[in-house]
Amino acid sequence: RSGAPLSSVAAAGTLARQVAAAVAEGATLHTEGERRGAH
């Protein structure tokens, strides 16, 4: 799954903030692609 549509753009925004916070705390993110709206 290179990109998954979430229930809303707001839901994707919330997840983006959570992932960014984890990285800011020192976690490493392994991913490909970028967020596009709700994807």
PDB file of all heavy atoms in Angstrom:
ATOM      1  N   ARG A   1       0.839  -1.196   0.000  1.00  0.00           N
ATOM      2  CA  ARG A   1       0.000   0.000   0.000  1.00  0.00           C
ATOM      3  C   ARG A   1       0.875   1.247   0.000  1.00  0.00           C
ATOM      4  O   ARG A   1       1.396   1.643   1.023  1.00  0.00           O
ATOM      5  CB  ARG A   1      -0.898   0.004   1.242  1.00  0.00           C
ATOM      6  CG  ARG A   1      -1.950   1.078   1.243  1.00  0.00           C
ATOM      7  CD  ARG A   1      -3.012   0.821   0.178  1.00  0.00           C
ATOM      8  NE  ARG A   1      -3.659  -0.459   0.381  1.00  0.00           N
ATOM      9  CZ  ARG A   1      -4.688  -0.643   1.209  1.00  0.00           C
ATOM     10  NH1 ARG A   1      -5.165   0.364   1.899  1.00  0.00           N
ATOM     11  NH2 ARG A   1      -5.243  -1.839   1.330  1.00  0.00           N
ATOM     12  N   SER A   2       1.049   1.869  -1.176  1.00  0.00           N
ATOM     13  CA  SER A   2       1.869   3.074  -1.251  1.00  0.00           C
ATOM     14  C   SER A   2       1.125   4.288  -0.742  1.00  0.00           C
ATOM     15  O   SER A   2       1.718   5.285  -0.344  1.00  0.00           O
ATOM     16  CB  SER A   2       2.326   3.311  -2.698  1.00  0.00           C
ATOM     17  OG  SER A   2       1.201   3.455  -3.542  1.00  0.00           O
ATOM     18  N   GLY A   3      -0.194   4.239  -0.750  1.00  0.00           N
ATOM     19  CA  GLY A   3      -0.985   5.349  -0.244  1.00  0.00           C
ATOM     20  C   GLY A   3      -2.388   4.868   0.052  1.00  0.00           C
ATOM     21  O   GLY A   3      -2.958   4.111  -0.729  1.00  0.00           O
ATOM     22  N   ALA A   4      -2.947   5.286   1.166  1.00  0.00           N
ATOM     23  CA  ALA A   4      -4.264   4.792   1.555  1.00  0.00           C
ATOM     24  C   ALA A   4      -5.210   5.951   1.818  1.00  0.00           C
ATOM     25  O   ALA A   4      -4.855   6.888   2.538  1.00  0.00           O
ATOM     26  CB  ALA A   4      -4.147   3.937   2.814  1.00  0.00           C
ATOM     27  N   PRO A   5      -6.416   5.931   1.248  1.00  0.00           N
ATOM     28  CA  PRO A   5      -7.371   7.006   1.530  1.00  0.00           C
ATOM     29  C   PRO A   5      -7.963   6.829   2.918  1.00  0.00           C
ATOM     30  O   PRO A   5      -8.515   5.783   3.237  1.00  0.00           O
ATOM     31  CB  PRO A   5      -8.433   6.824   0.440  1.00  0.00           C
ATOM     32  CG  PRO A   5      -8.381   5.368   0.117  1.00  0.00           C
ATOM     33  CD  PRO A   5      -6.947   4.957   0.287  1.00  0.00           C
ATOM     34  N   LEU A   6      -7.843   7.836   3.736  1.00  0.00           N
ATOM     35  CA  LEU A   6      -8.431   7.790   5.055  1.00  0.00           C
ATOM     36  C   LEU A   6      -9.849   8.348   5.009  1.00  0.00           C
ATOM     37  O   LEU A   6     -10.330   8.775   3.969  1.00  0.00           O
ATOM     38  CB  LEU A   6      -7.567   8.565   6.050  1.00  0.00           C
ATOM     39  CG  LEU A   6      -6.115   8.077   6.177  1.00  0.00           C
ATOM     40  CD1 LEU A   6      -5.422   8.779   7.329  1.00  0.00           C
ATOM     41  CD2 LEU A   6      -6.047   6.569   6.355  1.00  0.00           C
ATOM     42  N   SER A   7     -10.511   8.363   6.131  1.00  0.00           N
ATOM     43  CA  SER A   7     -11.918   8.755   6.168  1.00  0.00           C
ATOM     44  C   SER A   7     -12.126  10.221   5.802  1.00  0.00           C
ATOM     45  O   SER A   7     -13.213  10.604   5.368  1.00  0.00           O
ATOM     46  CB  SER A   7     -12.513   8.481   7.549  1.00  0.00           C
ATOM     47  OG  SER A   7     -11.823   9.228   8.547  1.00  0.00           O
ATOM     48  N   SER A   8     -11.102  11.041   5.995  1.00  0.00           N
ATOM     49  CA  SER A   8     -11.227  12.461   5.691  1.00  0.00           C
ATOM     50  C   SER A   8      -9.850  13.094   5.610  1.00  0.00           C
ATOM     51  O   SER A   8      -8.848  12.517   6.060  1.00  0.00           O
ATOM     52  CB  SER A   8     -12.051  13.176   6.767  1.00  0.00           C
ATOM     53  OG  SER A   8     -11.357  13.160   8.012  1.00  0.00           O
ATOM     54  N   VAL A   9      -9.793  14.308   5.067  1.00  0.00           N
ATOM     55  CA  VAL A   9      -8.547  15.065   5.034  1.00  0.00           C
ATOM     56  C   VAL A   9      -8.109  15.384   6.460  1.00  0.00           C
ATOM     57  O   VAL A   9      -6.918  15.359   6.781  1.00  0.00           O
ATOM     58  CB  VAL A   9      -8.726  16.360   4.217  1.00  0.00           C
ATOM     59  CG1 VAL A   9      -7.486  17.245   4.334  1.00  0.00           C
ATOM     60  CG2 VAL A   9      -9.002  16.030   2.748  1.00  0.00           C
ATOM     61  N   ALA A  10      -9.073  15.648   7.333  1.00  0.00           N
ATOM     62  CA  ALA A  10      -8.760  15.948   8.731  1.00  0.00           C
ATOM     63  C   ALA A  10      -8.093  14.755   9.407  1.00  0.00           C
ATOM     64  O   ALA A  10      -7.153  14.917  10.199  1.00  0.00           O
ATOM     65  CB  ALA A  10     -10.027  16.336   9.477  1.00  0.00           C
ATOM     66  N   ALA A  11      -8.567  13.545   9.110  1.00  0.00           N
ATOM     67  CA  ALA A  11      -7.979  12.337   9.699  1.00  0.00           C
ATOM     68  C   ALA A  11      -6.535  12.172   9.244  1.00  0.00           C
ATOM     69  O   ALA A  11      -5.657  11.804  10.035  1.00  0.00           O
ATOM     70  CB  ALA A  11      -8.796  11.115   9.320  1.00  0.00           C
ATOM     71  N   ALA A  12      -6.281  12.445   7.965  1.00  0.00           N
ATOM     72  CA  ALA A  12      -4.923  12.348   7.446  1.00  0.00           C
ATOM     73  C   ALA A  12      -4.027  13.399   8.092  1.00  0.00           C
ATOM     74  O   ALA A  12      -2.854  13.153   8.379  1.00  0.00           O
ATOM     75  CB  ALA A  12      -4.925  12.515   5.927  1.00  0.00           C
ATOM     76  N   GLY A  13      -4.579  14.572   8.352  1.00  0.00           N
ATOM     77  CA  GLY A  13      -3.819  15.620   9.011  1.00  0.00           C
ATOM     78  C   GLY A  13      -3.441  15.250  10.431  1.00  0.00           C
ATOM     79  O   GLY A  13      -2.320  15.509  10.887  1.00  0.00           O
ATOM     80  N   THR A  14      -4.374  14.630  11.137  1.00  0.00           N
ATOM     81  CA  THR A  14      -4.093  14.186  12.504  1.00  0.00           C
ATOM     82  C   THR A  14      -2.982  13.152  12.516  1.00  0.00           C
ATOM     83  O   THR A  14      -2.054  13.214  13.337  1.00  0.00           O
ATOM     84  CB  THR A  14      -5.364  13.583  13.144  1.00  0.00           C
ATOM     85  OG1 THR A  14      -6.359  14.600  13.247  1.00  0.00           O
ATOM     86  CG2 THR A  14      -5.065  13.018  14.522  1.00  0.00           C
ATOM     87  N   LEU A  15      -3.051  12.182  11.605  1.00  0.00           N
ATOM     88  CA  LEU A  15      -2.012  11.148  11.538  1.00  0.00           C
ATOM     89  C   LEU A  15      -0.666  11.766  11.177  1.00  0.00           C
ATOM     90  O   LEU A  15       0.368  11.373  11.733  1.00  0.00           O
ATOM     91  CB  LEU A  15      -2.407  10.080  10.516  1.00  0.00           C
ATOM     92  CG  LEU A  15      -1.433   8.914  10.352  1.00  0.00           C
ATOM     93  CD1 LEU A  15      -1.231   8.189  11.677  1.00  0.00           C
ATOM     94  CD2 LEU A  15      -1.936   7.948   9.290  1.00  0.00           C
ATOM     95  N   ALA A  16      -0.672  12.721  10.274  1.00  0.00           N
ATOM     96  CA  ALA A  16       0.576  13.386   9.880  1.00  0.00           C
ATOM     97  C   ALA A  16       1.225  14.068  11.082  1.00  0.00           C
ATOM     98  O   ALA A  16       2.449  14.002  11.260  1.00  0.00           O
ATOM     99  CB  ALA A  16       0.299  14.402   8.778  1.00  0.00           C
ATOM    100  N   ARG A  17       0.423  14.718  11.911  1.00  0.00           N
ATOM    101  CA  ARG A  17       0.965  15.390  13.096  1.00  0.00           C
ATOM    102  C   ARG A  17       1.519  14.377  14.092  1.00  0.00           C
ATOM    103  O   ARG A  17       2.560  14.610  14.725  1.00  0.00           O
ATOM    104  CB  ARG A  17      -0.114  16.252  13.746  1.00  0.00           C
ATOM    105  CG  ARG A  17      -0.463  17.508  12.955  1.00  0.00           C
ATOM    106  CD  ARG A  17      -1.358  18.442  13.747  1.00  0.00           C
ATOM    107  NE  ARG A  17      -2.685  17.882  13.995  1.00  0.00           N
ATOM    108  CZ  ARG A  17      -3.692  17.980  13.146  1.00  0.00           C
ATOM    109  NH1 ARG A  17      -3.551  18.609  11.983  1.00  0.00           N
ATOM    110  NH2 ARG A  17      -4.885  17.464  13.446  1.00  0.00           N
ATOM    111  N   GLN A  18       0.837  13.236  14.247  1.00  0.00           N
ATOM    112  CA  GLN A  18       1.311  12.212  15.176  1.00  0.00           C
ATOM    113  C   GLN A  18       2.641  11.621  14.706  1.00  0.00           C
ATOM    114  O   GLN A  18       3.565  11.424  15.505  1.00  0.00           O
ATOM    115  CB  GLN A  18       0.268  11.095  15.301  1.00  0.00           C
ATOM    116  CG  GLN A  18      -0.991  11.498  16.039  1.00  0.00           C
ATOM    117  CD  GLN A  18      -2.024  10.387  16.024  1.00  0.00           C
ATOM    118  OE1 GLN A  18      -2.467   9.948  14.956  1.00  0.00           O
ATOM    119  NE2 GLN A  18      -2.415   9.927  17.210  1.00  0.00           N
ATOM    120  N   VAL A  19       2.745  11.321  13.421  1.00  0.00           N
ATOM    121  CA  VAL A  19       3.978  10.756  12.874  1.00  0.00           C
ATOM    122  C   VAL A  19       5.115  11.764  12.990  1.00  0.00           C
ATOM    123  O   VAL A  19       6.239  11.416  13.380  1.00  0.00           O
ATOM    124  CB  VAL A  19       3.767  10.330  11.404  1.00  0.00           C
ATOM    125  CG1 VAL A  19       5.093   9.979  10.748  1.00  0.00           C
ATOM    126  CG2 VAL A  19       2.811   9.147  11.325  1.00  0.00           C
ATOM    127  N   ALA A  20       4.839  13.025  12.680  1.00  0.00           N
ATOM    128  CA  ALA A  20       5.865  14.060  12.779  1.00  0.00           C
ATOM    129  C   ALA A  20       6.344  14.215  14.223  1.00  0.00           C
ATOM    130  O   ALA A  20       7.540  14.413  14.476  1.00  0.00           O
ATOM    131  CB  ALA A  20       5.317  15.387  12.256  1.00  0.00           C
ATOM    132  N   ALA A  21       5.421  14.109  15.175  1.00  0.00           N
ATOM    133  CA  ALA A  21       5.786  14.222  16.589  1.00  0.00           C
ATOM    134  C   ALA A  21       6.687  13.066  17.004  1.00  0.00           C
ATOM    135  O   ALA A  21       7.644  13.258  17.775  1.00  0.00           O
ATOM    136  CB  ALA A  21       4.530  14.250  17.449  1.00  0.00           C
ATOM    137  N   ALA A  22       6.400  11.867  16.500  1.00  0.00           N
ATOM    138  CA  ALA A  22       7.234  10.708  16.823  1.00  0.00           C
ATOM    139  C   ALA A  22       8.651  10.898  16.285  1.00  0.00           C
ATOM    140  O   ALA A  22       9.638  10.604  16.973  1.00  0.00           O
ATOM    141  CB  ALA A  22       6.615   9.441  16.245  1.00  0.00           C
ATOM    142  N   VAL A  23       8.753  11.393  15.064  1.00  0.00           N
ATOM    143  CA  VAL A  23      10.068  11.634  14.463  1.00  0.00           C
ATOM    144  C   VAL A  23      10.816  12.708  15.241  1.00  0.00           C
ATOM    145  O   VAL A  23      12.022  12.601  15.485  1.00  0.00           O
ATOM    146  CB  VAL A  23       9.916  12.037  12.980  1.00  0.00           C
ATOM    147  CG1 VAL A  23      11.257  12.471  12.395  1.00  0.00           C
ATOM    148  CG2 VAL A  23       9.335  10.873  12.174  1.00  0.00           C
ATOM    149  N   ALA A  24      10.091  13.734  15.664  1.00  0.00           N
ATOM    150  CA  ALA A  24      10.711  14.812  16.441  1.00  0.00           C
ATOM    151  C   ALA A  24      11.255  14.286  17.770  1.00  0.00           C
ATOM    152  O   ALA A  24      12.232  14.825  18.299  1.00  0.00           O
ATOM    153  CB  ALA A  24       9.706  15.930  16.682  1.00  0.00           C
ATOM    154  N   GLU A  25      10.651  13.233  18.294  1.00  0.00           N
ATOM    155  CA  GLU A  25      11.105  12.632  19.558  1.00  0.00           C
ATOM    156  C   GLU A  25      12.240  11.641  19.358  1.00  0.00           C
ATOM    157  O   GLU A  25      12.760  11.078  20.325  1.00  0.00           O
ATOM    158  CB  GLU A  25       9.942  11.911  20.241  1.00  0.00           C
ATOM    159  CG  GLU A  25       8.933  12.835  20.890  1.00  0.00           C
ATOM    160  CD  GLU A  25       7.931  12.041  21.711  1.00  0.00           C
ATOM    161  OE1 GLU A  25       7.103  11.314  21.115  1.00  0.00           O
ATOM    162  OE2 GLU A  25       7.973  12.142  22.953  1.00  0.00           O
ATOM    163  N   GLY A  26      12.615  11.398  18.100  1.00  0.00           N
ATOM    164  CA  GLY A  26      13.743  10.514  17.843  1.00  0.00           C
ATOM    165  C   GLY A  26      13.442   9.231  17.104  1.00  0.00           C
ATOM    166  O   GLY A  26      14.345   8.444  16.820  1.00  0.00           O
ATOM    167  N   ALA A  27      12.168   8.980  16.782  1.00  0.00           N
ATOM    168  CA  ALA A  27      11.820   7.775  16.022  1.00  0.00           C
ATOM    169  C   ALA A  27      12.255   7.938  14.567  1.00  0.00           C
ATOM    170  O   ALA A  27      12.439   9.055  14.081  1.00  0.00           O
ATOM    171  CB  ALA A  27      10.319   7.522  16.087  1.00  0.00           C
ATOM    172  N   THR A  28      12.424   6.828  13.879  1.00  0.00           N
ATOM    173  CA  THR A  28      12.784   6.846  12.463  1.00  0.00           C
ATOM    174  C   THR A  28      11.584   6.403  11.638  1.00  0.00           C
ATOM    175  O   THR A  28      10.961   5.383  11.951  1.00  0.00           O
ATOM    176  CB  THR A  28      13.960   5.894  12.185  1.00  0.00           C
ATOM    177  OG1 THR A  28      15.098   6.322  12.951  1.00  0.00           O
ATOM    178  CG2 THR A  28      14.322   5.889  10.709  1.00  0.00           C
ATOM    179  N   LEU A  29      11.245   7.169  10.614  1.00  0.00           N
ATOM    180  CA  LEU A  29      10.119   6.844   9.744  1.00  0.00           C
ATOM    181  C   LEU A  29      10.625   6.254   8.443  1.00  0.00           C
ATOM    182  O   LEU A  29      11.444   6.858   7.752  1.00  0.00           O
ATOM    183  CB  LEU A  29       9.289   8.099   9.453  1.00  0.00           C
ATOM    184  CG  LEU A  29       8.159   7.940   8.431  1.00  0.00           C
ATOM    185  CD1 LEU A  29       7.102   6.965   8.944  1.00  0.00           C
ATOM    186  CD2 LEU A  29       7.537   9.293   8.089  1.00  0.00           C
ATOM    187  N   HIS A  30      10.126   5.057   8.110  1.00  0.00           N
ATOM    188  CA  HIS A  30      10.439   4.404   6.839  1.00  0.00           C
ATOM    189  C   HIS A  30       9.184   4.497   5.976  1.00  0.00           C
ATOM    190  O   HIS A  30       8.158   3.897   6.303  1.00  0.00           O
ATOM    191  CB  HIS A  30      10.815   2.940   7.066  1.00  0.00           C
ATOM    192  CG  HIS A  30      11.842   2.742   8.138  1.00  0.00           C
ATOM    193  ND1 HIS A  30      13.197   2.645   7.878  1.00  0.00           N
ATOM    194  CD2 HIS A  30      11.709   2.645   9.496  1.00  0.00           C
ATOM    195  CE1 HIS A  30      13.853   2.473   9.021  1.00  0.00           C
ATOM    196  NE2 HIS A  30      12.974   2.472  10.006  1.00  0.00           N
ATOM    197  N   THR A  31       9.249   5.241   4.885  1.00  0.00           N
ATOM    198  CA  THR A  31       8.066   5.433   4.055  1.00  0.00           C
ATOM    199  C   THR A  31       8.468   5.790   2.639  1.00  0.00           C
ATOM    200  O   THR A  31       9.642   6.085   2.365  1.00  0.00           O
ATOM    201  CB  THR A  31       7.153   6.534   4.641  1.00  0.00           C
ATOM    202  OG1 THR A  31       5.914   6.567   3.930  1.00  0.00           O
ATOM    203  CG2 THR A  31       7.823   7.905   4.546  1.00  0.00           C
ATOM    204  N   GLU A  32       7.515   5.770   1.754  1.00  0.00           N
ATOM    205  CA  GLU A  32       7.710   6.190   0.369  1.00  0.00           C
ATOM    206  C   GLU A  32       6.492   6.999  -0.048  1.00  0.00           C
ATOM    207  O   GLU A  32       5.370   6.700   0.355  1.00  0.00           O
ATOM    208  CB  GLU A  32       7.868   4.987  -0.564  1.00  0.00           C
ATOM    209  CG  GLU A  32       9.121   4.168  -0.307  1.00  0.00           C
ATOM    210  CD  GLU A  32       9.196   2.941  -1.204  1.00  0.00           C
ATOM    211  OE1 GLU A  32       8.210   2.691  -1.928  1.00  0.00           O
ATOM    212  OE2 GLU A  32      10.209   2.226  -1.167  1.00  0.00           O
ATOM    213  N   GLY A  33       6.700   8.014  -0.851  1.00  0.00           N
ATOM    214  CA  GLY A  33       5.578   8.814  -1.306  1.00  0.00           C
ATOM    215  C   GLY A  33       5.240   9.919  -0.327  1.00  0.00           C
ATOM    216  O   GLY A  33       5.853  10.049   0.736  1.00  0.00           O
ATOM    217  N   GLU A  34       4.277  10.721  -0.703  1.00  0.00           N
ATOM    218  CA  GLU A  34       3.867  11.840   0.118  1.00  0.00           C
ATOM    219  C   GLU A  34       2.353  11.834   0.302  1.00  0.00           C
ATOM    220  O   GLU A  34       1.617  11.249  -0.487  1.00  0.00           O
ATOM    221  CB  GLU A  34       4.295  13.163  -0.523  1.00  0.00           C
ATOM    222  CG  GLU A  34       5.808  13.318  -0.676  1.00  0.00           C
ATOM    223  CD  GLU A  34       6.166  14.632  -1.337  1.00  0.00           C
ATOM    224  OE1 GLU A  34       5.244  15.354  -1.777  1.00  0.00           O
ATOM    225  OE2 GLU A  34       7.374  14.928  -1.422  1.00  0.00           O
ATOM    226  N   ARG A  35       1.925  12.505   1.349  1.00  0.00           N
ATOM    227  CA  ARG A  35       0.491  12.630   1.598  1.00  0.00           C
ATOM    228  C   ARG A  35      -0.149  13.499   0.526  1.00  0.00           C
ATOM    229  O   ARG A  35       0.389  14.528   0.138  1.00  0.00           O
ATOM    230  CB  ARG A  35       0.267  13.256   2.980  1.00  0.00           C
ATOM    231  CG  ARG A  35      -1.201  13.530   3.268  1.00  0.00           C
ATOM    232  CD  ARG A  35      -1.380  14.396   4.479  1.00  0.00           C
ATOM    233  NE  ARG A  35      -2.700  14.997   4.494  1.00  0.00           N
ATOM    234  CZ  ARG A  35      -3.049  16.033   5.226  1.00  0.00           C
ATOM    235  NH1 ARG A  35      -2.165  16.604   6.016  1.00  0.00           N
ATOM    236  NH2 ARG A  35      -4.266  16.512   5.172  1.00  0.00           N
ATOM    237  N   ARG A  36      -1.321  13.050   0.048  1.00  0.00           N
ATOM    238  CA  ARG A  36      -2.099  13.824  -0.929  1.00  0.00           C
ATOM    239  C   ARG A  36      -3.533  13.880  -0.431  1.00  0.00           C
ATOM    240  O   ARG A  36      -4.279  12.918  -0.575  1.00  0.00           O
ATOM    241  CB  ARG A  36      -2.041  13.174  -2.313  1.00  0.00           C
ATOM    242  CG  ARG A  36      -0.676  13.205  -2.969  1.00  0.00           C
ATOM    243  CD  ARG A  36      -0.650  12.482  -4.299  1.00  0.00           C
ATOM    244  NE  ARG A  36      -0.794  11.033  -4.131  1.00  0.00           N
ATOM    245  CZ  ARG A  36      -1.905  10.359  -4.386  1.00  0.00           C
ATOM    246  NH1 ARG A  36      -2.989  10.996  -4.818  1.00  0.00           N
ATOM    247  NH2 ARG A  36      -1.944   9.052  -4.216  1.00  0.00           N
ATOM    248  N   GLY A  37      -3.900  14.979   0.190  1.00  0.00           N
ATOM    249  CA  GLY A  37      -5.246  15.099   0.715  1.00  0.00           C
ATOM    250  C   GLY A  37      -5.515  14.052   1.775  1.00  0.00           C
ATOM    251  O   GLY A  37      -4.818  13.970   2.778  1.00  0.00           O
ATOM    252  N   ALA A  38      -6.517  13.210   1.523  1.00  0.00           N
ATOM    253  CA  ALA A  38      -6.862  12.159   2.477  1.00  0.00           C
ATOM    254  C   ALA A  38      -6.039  10.895   2.262  1.00  0.00           C
ATOM    255  O   ALA A  38      -6.162   9.936   3.024  1.00  0.00           O
ATOM    256  CB  ALA A  38      -8.346  11.822   2.374  1.00  0.00           C
ATOM    257  N   HIS A  39      -5.200  10.874   1.237  1.00  0.00           N
ATOM    258  CA  HIS A  39      -4.349   9.709   0.976  1.00  0.00           C
ATOM    259  C   HIS A  39      -3.064   9.839   1.783  1.00  0.00           C
ATOM    260  O   HIS A  39      -2.342  10.831   1.669  1.00  0.00           O
ATOM    261  CB  HIS A  39      -4.009   9.604  -0.510  1.00  0.00           C
ATOM    262  CG  HIS A  39      -5.168   9.177  -1.348  1.00  0.00           C
ATOM    263  ND1 HIS A  39      -5.297   7.914  -1.858  1.00  0.00           N
ATOM    264  CD2 HIS A  39      -6.266   9.856  -1.745  1.00  0.00           C
ATOM    265  CE1 HIS A  39      -6.417   7.822  -2.546  1.00  0.00           C
ATOM    266  NE2 HIS A  39      -7.023   8.982  -2.490  1.00  0.00           N
TER     267      HIS A  39
END
